[in-house]
């Protein structure tokens, strides 16, 4: 399954950028910022919100599980909050389309399940995840952003993994070119 980054539409539940959902505003630590909220591909009315460390050097230094400075919060759908202190102001805001079986345009944005499309196909990125019983779940590639968005992962990609028994979704690693 695939999803596209599309111009912002307040009738679409998934989005990247903007203020965090009201429901999770208070759960975001002071040193993190809201990145995106997307519909859980396998659970109805469940969202996955992603927050990232506000300091890029820390984000770059800690980009691989188990010490990755990206978190995933699972929650029910929630409207956009008003807390601009937890936003990435330069990111902009776009919507995330519904999932479809076709990739759509030429650029990959979100890919669910299957094999990840790795920027750097090095096993040290995912070896410990697999050893701890996690499997690839979803990737978000900045290549698929709409125009005028800031590349917080240096024109890279974020890879989410799901625990094979519990179903918990976590950030596994991120890569850049």
Protein backbone atom coordinates (compact mmCIF):
# COMPACT_ATOMS: atom_id res chain seq x y z
CA UNK A 1 0.00 0.00 0.00
CA UNK A 2 1.06 3.55 -0.70
CA UNK A 3 0.07 7.08 0.31
CA UNK A 4 0.96 10.41 -1.25
CA UNK A 5 1.82 13.80 0.18
CA UNK A 6 -0.88 16.15 -1.10
CA UNK A 7 -1.78 19.82 -0.55
CA UNK A 8 -3.33 20.38 2.88
CA UNK A 9 -7.03 19.48 3.14
CA UNK A 10 -8.67 19.66 6.58
CA UNK A 11 -11.05 16.84 5.58
CA UNK A 12 -8.14 14.38 5.32
CA UNK A 13 -7.08 12.79 8.63
CA UNK A 14 -3.39 12.18 7.92
CA UNK A 15 -0.96 15.08 7.66
CA UNK A 16 2.65 16.04 7.92
CA UNK A 17 3.67 19.22 9.71
CA UNK A 18 1.58 21.79 11.53
CA UNK A 19 0.63 21.65 15.19
CA UNK A 20 0.36 18.31 16.96
CA UNK A 21 -3.04 16.67 17.45
CA UNK A 22 -4.84 18.00 20.57
CA UNK A 23 -4.93 14.52 22.10
CA UNK A 24 -1.13 14.18 22.28
CA UNK A 25 0.02 17.78 22.87
CA UNK A 26 0.79 17.11 26.54
CA UNK A 27 2.59 13.81 25.76
CA UNK A 28 5.32 15.48 23.71
CA UNK A 29 8.48 16.11 25.75
CA UNK A 30 9.91 19.65 25.61
CA UNK A 31 12.88 18.57 23.49
CA UNK A 32 10.70 16.98 20.78
CA UNK A 33 8.62 18.41 17.95
CA UNK A 34 5.62 17.04 16.05
CA UNK A 35 6.46 15.67 12.60
CA UNK A 36 3.40 13.82 11.24
CA UNK A 37 0.22 11.94 12.06
CA UNK A 38 -0.98 9.19 9.77
CA UNK A 39 -3.82 6.72 9.73
CA UNK A 40 -2.68 3.34 11.06
CA UNK A 41 -2.81 1.13 7.95
CA UNK A 42 -4.18 -1.85 9.89
CA UNK A 43 -6.38 -0.34 12.61
CA UNK A 44 -9.57 1.57 12.00
CA UNK A 45 -9.78 4.99 13.70
CA UNK A 46 -6.22 4.73 15.05
CA UNK A 47 -3.50 7.23 14.23
CA UNK A 48 0.28 7.02 14.45
CA UNK A 49 1.84 10.36 15.36
CA UNK A 50 5.57 10.81 14.95
CA UNK A 51 7.67 13.21 17.00
CA UNK A 52 11.35 13.97 16.48
CA UNK A 53 14.09 15.49 18.63
CA UNK A 54 14.28 19.26 18.08
CA UNK A 55 18.10 19.32 17.99
CA UNK A 56 19.30 18.13 14.59
CA UNK A 57 22.74 17.09 15.85
CA UNK A 58 21.08 14.80 18.41
CA UNK A 59 18.69 13.48 15.74
CA UNK A 60 21.63 12.75 13.44
CA UNK A 61 23.76 11.13 16.16
CA UNK A 62 20.91 8.93 17.40
CA UNK A 63 19.28 7.73 14.21
CA UNK A 64 19.20 3.94 14.74
CA UNK A 65 17.26 1.69 17.15
CA UNK A 66 17.48 1.33 20.11
CA UNK A 67 18.73 4.87 20.69
CA UNK A 68 16.81 6.65 17.93
CA UNK A 69 15.47 10.09 18.86
CA UNK A 70 12.20 9.63 16.95
CA UNK A 71 9.08 8.40 18.75
CA UNK A 72 5.74 7.01 17.57
CA UNK A 73 2.57 7.61 19.58
CA UNK A 74 -0.50 5.50 18.80
CA UNK A 75 -3.81 7.24 19.57
CA UNK A 76 -7.38 7.84 18.40
CA UNK A 77 -7.98 10.50 15.76
CA UNK A 78 -7.75 14.05 17.11
CA UNK A 79 -8.14 17.51 15.61
CA UNK A 80 -5.14 19.78 15.13
CA UNK A 81 -4.14 21.42 18.40
CA UNK A 82 -3.07 25.01 18.95
CA UNK A 83 0.37 24.39 20.49
CA UNK A 84 2.85 25.97 18.08
CA UNK A 85 5.71 25.36 20.55
CA UNK A 86 5.67 21.67 19.58
CA UNK A 87 5.65 22.30 15.78
CA UNK A 88 8.46 22.26 13.22
CA UNK A 89 7.75 25.69 11.80
CA UNK A 90 9.92 25.32 8.66
CA UNK A 91 8.37 21.98 7.68
CA UNK A 92 5.14 23.44 6.36
CA UNK A 93 1.93 21.41 6.38
CA UNK A 94 0.51 18.95 3.86
CA UNK A 95 -2.05 16.17 3.98
CA UNK A 96 -1.37 12.46 3.61
CA UNK A 97 -3.70 10.75 1.15
CA UNK A 98 -5.67 7.60 1.86
CA UNK A 99 -3.75 4.40 1.19
CA UNK A 100 -4.01 2.79 -2.23
CA UNK A 101 -2.56 -0.23 -3.98
CA UNK A 102 -0.82 1.95 -6.58
CA UNK A 103 2.20 4.14 -5.93
CA UNK A 104 0.71 6.99 -7.95
CA UNK A 105 3.21 9.62 -9.06
CA UNK A 106 6.88 8.99 -9.74
CA UNK A 107 8.05 9.77 -6.19
CA UNK A 108 7.58 7.45 -3.26
CA UNK A 109 6.20 9.10 -0.11
CA UNK A 110 4.72 6.38 2.12
CA UNK A 111 5.10 2.67 1.52
CA UNK A 112 3.46 0.11 3.83
CA UNK A 113 4.79 -3.44 4.32
CA UNK A 114 6.73 -5.46 1.77
CA UNK A 115 10.42 -4.73 1.47
CA UNK A 116 11.74 -1.29 2.46
CA UNK A 117 13.43 0.81 -0.19
CA UNK A 118 16.67 1.58 1.63
CA UNK A 119 18.82 4.57 0.75
CA UNK A 120 21.82 2.83 2.33
CA UNK A 121 21.38 -0.96 2.20
CA UNK A 122 23.54 -1.69 5.26
CA UNK A 123 22.39 -4.42 7.67
CA UNK A 124 23.49 -2.51 10.80
CA UNK A 125 20.41 -0.30 10.36
CA UNK A 126 17.92 -3.15 10.85
CA UNK A 127 19.86 -6.09 12.35
CA UNK A 128 19.12 -5.26 16.00
CA UNK A 129 15.46 -4.59 15.19
CA UNK A 130 15.11 -8.03 13.61
CA UNK A 131 16.97 -9.63 16.55
CA UNK A 132 14.39 -8.02 18.90
CA UNK A 133 11.49 -9.45 16.83
CA UNK A 134 10.57 -6.33 14.84
CA UNK A 135 9.70 -6.31 11.13
CA UNK A 136 9.58 -3.50 8.61
CA UNK A 137 6.18 -1.79 8.69
CA UNK A 138 6.23 1.56 6.88
CA UNK A 139 8.55 4.14 5.40
CA UNK A 140 8.18 7.87 4.80
CA UNK A 141 10.41 9.30 2.08
CA UNK A 142 11.06 13.01 1.82
CA UNK A 143 11.43 12.58 -1.94
CA UNK A 144 7.62 12.52 -2.06
CA UNK A 145 7.04 15.82 -0.19
CA UNK A 146 4.96 18.54 -1.80
CA UNK A 147 6.75 21.73 -2.87
CA UNK A 148 8.15 24.16 -0.29
CA UNK A 149 8.56 21.65 2.55
CA UNK A 150 11.70 21.53 4.70
CA UNK A 151 13.66 18.26 4.58
CA UNK A 152 14.06 17.45 8.29
CA UNK A 153 15.82 14.16 7.45
CA UNK A 154 18.20 15.75 4.89
CA UNK A 155 16.17 14.49 1.90
CA UNK A 156 16.07 11.07 3.52
CA UNK A 157 13.59 8.51 4.76
CA UNK A 158 12.19 7.35 8.10
CA UNK A 159 11.55 3.63 8.62
CA UNK A 160 8.97 2.40 11.12
CA UNK A 161 9.01 -1.15 12.44
CA UNK A 162 6.31 -3.25 14.13
CA UNK A 163 6.85 -5.82 16.87
CA UNK A 164 5.85 -9.26 15.58
CA UNK A 165 4.01 -10.25 18.79
CA UNK A 166 2.71 -7.06 20.40
CA UNK A 167 2.05 -5.05 17.23
CA UNK A 168 3.74 -1.98 18.74
CA UNK A 169 4.98 0.41 16.05
CA UNK A 170 8.29 2.18 16.69
CA UNK A 171 10.80 4.25 14.75
CA UNK A 172 13.53 1.90 13.61
CA UNK A 173 15.96 4.24 11.90
CA UNK A 174 16.27 7.05 9.42
CA UNK A 175 18.67 7.45 6.54
CA UNK A 176 19.74 10.23 4.22
CA UNK A 177 21.56 10.23 0.93
